Protein backbone atom coordinates (compact mmCIF):
# COMPACT_ATOMS: atom_id res chain seq x y z
CA MET A 1 0.00 0.00 0.00
CA ALA A 2 1.43 3.38 -0.98
CA SER A 3 1.38 6.42 1.26
CA SER A 4 -1.01 9.25 0.50
CA LYS A 5 0.07 12.71 -0.55
CA GLU A 6 -2.31 14.03 2.13
CA TYR A 7 -0.41 12.22 4.90
CA LEU A 8 2.89 13.53 3.55
CA GLU A 9 1.51 17.08 3.55
CA PHE A 10 0.24 16.62 7.12
CA ILE A 11 3.68 15.49 8.34
CA LEU A 12 5.41 18.33 6.47
CA GLU A 13 3.03 20.80 8.11
CA GLN A 14 3.83 19.32 11.52
CA LEU A 15 7.56 19.85 10.77
CA ALA A 16 7.09 23.37 9.35
CA GLU A 17 9.11 25.03 12.12
CA LEU A 18 12.24 23.16 11.00
CA GLU A 19 14.21 24.54 8.09
CA GLU A 20 15.46 22.33 5.31
CA ILE A 21 12.92 19.52 5.55
CA THR A 22 12.76 17.90 2.14
CA TYR A 23 11.46 14.64 0.77
CA ARG A 24 11.86 12.35 -2.20
CA ALA A 25 9.13 10.12 -3.56
CA MET A 26 10.29 6.54 -3.96
CA MET A 27 8.08 3.65 -5.09
CA GLY A 28 4.90 5.12 -3.60
CA GLU A 29 6.55 6.09 -0.33
CA TYR A 30 8.51 9.18 0.80
CA ILE A 31 12.04 9.48 2.16
CA LEU A 32 12.38 12.43 4.59
CA TYR A 33 15.53 14.53 4.84
CA TYR A 34 16.49 17.04 7.52
CA ARG A 35 19.28 19.41 6.51
CA GLY A 36 20.45 16.94 3.88
CA LYS A 37 20.47 13.83 6.08
CA ILE A 38 17.96 10.99 5.87
CA VAL A 39 15.87 10.98 9.06
CA GLY A 40 13.36 8.35 8.03
CA GLY A 41 10.33 8.25 5.84
CA ILE A 42 6.64 7.80 5.36
CA TYR A 43 5.69 4.20 4.65
CA ASP A 44 2.08 3.03 4.40
CA ASP A 45 0.98 6.33 5.99
CA ARG A 46 3.26 5.77 9.00
CA LEU A 47 6.12 8.05 10.06
CA LEU A 48 9.15 5.82 10.63
CA ILE A 49 12.54 7.16 11.72
CA LYS A 50 16.05 5.77 12.09
CA PRO A 51 16.61 4.14 15.51
CA VAL A 52 19.44 6.39 16.73
CA LYS A 53 20.15 6.72 20.47
CA SER A 54 18.47 10.10 20.88
CA ALA A 55 15.27 8.89 19.20
CA ILE A 56 15.20 5.77 21.36
CA SER A 57 15.66 7.84 24.53
CA LEU A 58 12.86 10.25 23.53
CA MET A 59 10.55 7.37 22.61
CA PRO A 60 11.51 4.48 24.92
CA ASP A 61 8.24 2.62 24.30
CA ALA A 62 8.23 3.03 20.51
CA THR A 63 7.67 -0.07 18.43
CA TYR A 64 10.09 -1.19 15.76
CA GLU A 65 8.50 -1.74 12.37
CA LEU A 66 9.66 -2.65 8.90
CA PRO A 67 9.13 0.06 6.30
CA TYR A 68 9.04 -2.63 3.60
CA GLU A 69 10.05 -6.25 3.13
CA GLY A 70 13.81 -6.75 3.48
CA ALA A 71 14.51 -3.36 5.09
CA LYS A 72 16.05 -2.62 8.49
CA GLU A 73 13.64 -1.97 11.34
CA MET A 74 12.77 1.64 12.10
CA LEU A 75 10.99 3.38 14.99
CA LEU A 76 7.30 4.16 14.60
CA VAL A 77 6.45 7.73 15.66
CA ASP A 78 3.01 7.61 17.26
CA ASP A 79 2.83 11.21 18.47
CA VAL A 80 2.61 12.87 15.03
CA ASP A 81 0.01 15.36 16.27
CA ASN A 82 2.53 17.02 18.60
CA LYS A 83 4.51 19.59 16.56
CA ASP A 84 6.80 20.51 19.47
CA PHE A 85 7.72 16.87 20.07
CA LEU A 86 8.47 16.25 16.38
CA THR A 87 10.66 19.36 16.22
CA GLN A 88 12.54 18.28 19.36
CA LEU A 89 12.91 14.73 18.01
CA PHE A 90 14.34 15.77 14.64
CA ASN A 91 16.72 18.29 16.24
CA ALA A 92 17.94 15.70 18.75
CA MET A 93 18.55 13.13 16.02
CA TYR A 94 20.41 15.37 13.58
CA GLU A 95 23.96 14.99 14.95
CA GLU A 96 23.67 11.20 15.13
CA LEU A 97 22.47 10.75 11.56
CA PRO A 98 25.08 9.69 9.01
CA ASN A 99 26.25 12.24 6.49
CA PRO A 100 25.00 11.69 2.95
CA LYS A 101 27.22 9.55 0.77
CA LYS A 102 29.27 11.42 -1.79
CA LYS A 103 28.11 10.93 -5.36
CA LYS A 104 30.74 9.65 -7.75
């Protein structure tokens, strides 16, 4: 099942206070970037993020879910209605996220 454009727009609105939030459509889903780094994505109308230490500490009870078959597990963000929490979460995660790979 692909994610809806409406859900993407909702999540982007929730993250509107952050600068440099971008996305890329990929096979019916959306990869989310924060200041050039991949934070996670929207899969089947779920916000899933990389399980870095800061995200785990902010969401200790979060469930791990697969974005798609064969992928690594990611953390499900349940509290998508809380703009302040999402802003705090993305800011906390930024330093731990890997830098983008250099293109050849």
